[in-house]
Amino acid sequence: MLEVEETRGEGVYGPETMCVAVARMGHDDEKICACTLAEMCGVDMGGPLHSLVLVGNTMDVEKAMLAMYAAKPEDFYPDREAPSQMLDG
């Protein structure tokens, strides 16, 4: 998404845009993680299925929920060895 925004230059979102990723909702190993798009590039969400929500303006109760699911150090790939997020060709 960051590469698309960089290419298009529409100013819709950027590296500091808050987002929430959800994987395997409803399963025993579901994962929910909130952080910036730049940080999300290094988060290991595990296997599919995934959804990504870009967060707009928030109220206090929404900010509290985002804080509950904020990315923790153990959510990230070790030593920043995340798979490439770049599009091919």
C-alpha atoms as a PDB file:
ATOM      1  CA  MET A   1       0.000   0.000   0.000  1.00  0.00           C
ATOM      2  CA  LEU A   2       2.822   2.381   0.767  1.00  0.00           C
ATOM      3  CA  GLU A   3       4.384   1.698  -2.617  1.00  0.00           C
ATOM      4  CA  VAL A   4       1.069   2.417  -4.365  1.00  0.00           C
ATOM      5  CA  GLU A   5       0.668   5.694  -2.470  1.00  0.00           C
ATOM      6  CA  GLU A   6       4.249   6.658  -3.289  1.00  0.00           C
ATOM      7  CA  THR A   7       3.650   5.926  -6.971  1.00  0.00           C
ATOM      8  CA  ARG A   8       0.309   7.730  -7.169  1.00  0.00           C
ATOM      9  CA  GLY A   9       1.182  10.569  -4.800  1.00  0.00           C
ATOM     10  CA  GLU A  10      -2.445  11.209  -3.878  1.00  0.00           C
ATOM     11  CA  GLY A  11      -1.770  11.909  -0.191  1.00  0.00           C
ATOM     12  CA  VAL A  12      -4.488   9.499   0.910  1.00  0.00           C
ATOM     13  CA  TYR A  13      -2.328   7.761   3.526  1.00  0.00           C
ATOM     14  CA  GLY A  14       1.314   7.449   4.493  1.00  0.00           C
ATOM     15  CA  PRO A  15       3.796   5.592   6.674  1.00  0.00           C
ATOM     16  CA  GLU A  16       2.352   7.087   9.884  1.00  0.00           C
ATOM     17  CA  THR A  17      -1.265   6.193   9.075  1.00  0.00           C
ATOM     18  CA  MET A  18      -2.750   3.998  11.790  1.00  0.00           C
ATOM     19  CA  CYS A  19      -4.065   0.631  10.693  1.00  0.00           C
ATOM     20  CA  VAL A  20      -5.434  -2.563  12.172  1.00  0.00           C
ATOM     21  CA  ALA A  21      -4.639  -6.002  10.748  1.00  0.00           C
ATOM     22  CA  VAL A  22      -6.776  -9.029  11.513  1.00  0.00           C
ATOM     23  CA  ALA A  23      -5.880 -12.637  10.753  1.00  0.00           C
ATOM     24  CA  ARG A  24      -7.875 -15.863  11.213  1.00  0.00           C
ATOM     25  CA  MET A  25     -10.761 -14.131  13.027  1.00  0.00           C
ATOM     26  CA  GLY A  26     -12.865 -16.577  15.024  1.00  0.00           C
ATOM     27  CA  HIS A  27     -10.172 -19.261  15.162  1.00  0.00           C
ATOM     28  CA  ASP A  28      -8.111 -20.236  18.197  1.00  0.00           C
ATOM     29  CA  ASP A  29      -5.050 -18.548  16.697  1.00  0.00           C
ATOM     30  CA  GLU A  30      -6.708 -15.276  15.620  1.00  0.00           C
ATOM     31  CA  LYS A  31      -4.499 -12.213  15.721  1.00  0.00           C
ATOM     32  CA  ILE A  32      -5.351  -8.519  15.854  1.00  0.00           C
ATOM     33  CA  CYS A  33      -2.617  -5.908  15.671  1.00  0.00           C
ATOM     34  CA  ALA A  34      -2.753  -2.089  15.541  1.00  0.00           C
ATOM     35  CA  CYS A  35       0.170   0.115  14.493  1.00  0.00           C
ATOM     36  CA  THR A  36       1.291   2.444  11.706  1.00  0.00           C
ATOM     37  CA  LEU A  37       1.504   1.234   8.101  1.00  0.00           C
ATOM     38  CA  ALA A  38       5.297   1.529   8.261  1.00  0.00           C
ATOM     39  CA  GLU A  39       5.409  -0.656  11.374  1.00  0.00           C
ATOM     40  CA  MET A  40       2.914  -3.128   9.893  1.00  0.00           C
ATOM     41  CA  CYS A  41       5.442  -3.948   7.161  1.00  0.00           C
ATOM     42  CA  GLY A  42       7.464  -5.720   9.865  1.00  0.00           C
ATOM     43  CA  VAL A  43       4.620  -7.450  11.744  1.00  0.00           C
ATOM     44  CA  ASP A  44       4.308 -11.220  11.403  1.00  0.00           C
ATOM     45  CA  MET A  45       0.577 -11.865  11.152  1.00  0.00           C
ATOM     46  CA  GLY A  46       1.100 -15.545  10.359  1.00  0.00           C
ATOM     47  CA  GLY A  47      -0.984 -17.436   7.836  1.00  0.00           C
ATOM     48  CA  PRO A  48      -4.143 -16.164   6.110  1.00  0.00           C
ATOM     49  CA  LEU A  49      -6.875 -14.948   6.115  1.00  0.00           C
ATOM     50  CA  HIS A  50      -6.000 -11.270   6.615  1.00  0.00           C
ATOM     51  CA  SER A  51      -7.841  -7.972   6.595  1.00  0.00           C
ATOM     52  CA  LEU A  52      -6.272  -4.521   6.839  1.00  0.00           C
ATOM     53  CA  VAL A  53      -8.241  -1.486   7.954  1.00  0.00           C
ATOM     54  CA  LEU A  54      -6.904   2.056   7.649  1.00  0.00           C
ATOM     55  CA  VAL A  55      -7.948   4.126  10.648  1.00  0.00           C
ATOM     56  CA  GLY A  56      -9.325   7.638  10.214  1.00  0.00           C
ATOM     57  CA  ASN A  57     -10.248  10.139  12.915  1.00  0.00           C
ATOM     58  CA  THR A  58     -10.963   8.387  16.194  1.00  0.00           C
ATOM     59  CA  MET A  59     -12.858   9.110  19.382  1.00  0.00           C
ATOM     60  CA  ASP A  60     -11.466   8.317  22.830  1.00  0.00           C
ATOM     61  CA  VAL A  61     -13.180   4.918  23.074  1.00  0.00           C
ATOM     62  CA  GLU A  62     -11.736   3.933  19.672  1.00  0.00           C
ATOM     63  CA  LYS A  63      -8.263   5.095  20.713  1.00  0.00           C
ATOM     64  CA  ALA A  64      -8.572   2.908  23.807  1.00  0.00           C
ATOM     65  CA  MET A  65      -9.410  -0.131  21.663  1.00  0.00           C
ATOM     66  CA  LEU A  66      -6.458   0.558  19.363  1.00  0.00           C
ATOM     67  CA  ALA A  67      -4.197   0.726  22.412  1.00  0.00           C
ATOM     68  CA  MET A  68      -5.481  -2.688  23.561  1.00  0.00           C
ATOM     69  CA  TYR A  69      -4.271  -4.220  20.294  1.00  0.00           C
ATOM     70  CA  ALA A  70      -1.105  -2.147  19.841  1.00  0.00           C
ATOM     71  CA  ALA A  71       1.791  -4.053  18.263  1.00  0.00           C
ATOM     72  CA  LYS A  72       4.173  -5.570  20.806  1.00  0.00           C
ATOM     73  CA  PRO A  73       7.868  -6.338  20.226  1.00  0.00           C
ATOM     74  CA  GLU A  74       7.092 -10.047  19.851  1.00  0.00           C
ATOM     75  CA  ASP A  75       4.690  -9.293  16.968  1.00  0.00           C
ATOM     76  CA  PHE A  76       7.518  -8.254  14.663  1.00  0.00           C
ATOM     77  CA  TYR A  77       9.749 -10.426  12.509  1.00  0.00           C
ATOM     78  CA  PRO A  78      13.103 -11.036  14.227  1.00  0.00           C
ATOM     79  CA  ASP A  79      15.911  -8.657  13.316  1.00  0.00           C
ATOM     80  CA  ARG A  80      13.644  -6.803  10.873  1.00  0.00           C
ATOM     81  CA  GLU A  81      13.865  -9.686   8.400  1.00  0.00           C
ATOM     82  CA  ALA A  82      10.357  -9.148   7.079  1.00  0.00           C
ATOM     83  CA  PRO A  83       9.519 -10.517   3.639  1.00  0.00           C
ATOM     84  CA  SER A  84       9.650  -7.973   0.832  1.00  0.00           C
ATOM     85  CA  GLN A  85       6.503  -5.882   0.531  1.00  0.00           C
ATOM     86  CA  MET A  86       7.440  -4.602  -2.924  1.00  0.00           C
ATOM     87  CA  LEU A  87       5.411  -5.413  -5.994  1.00  0.00           C
ATOM     88  CA  ASP A  88       7.091  -7.491  -8.711  1.00  0.00           C
ATOM     89  CA  GLY A  89       7.859  -5.909 -12.077  1.00  0.00           C
END
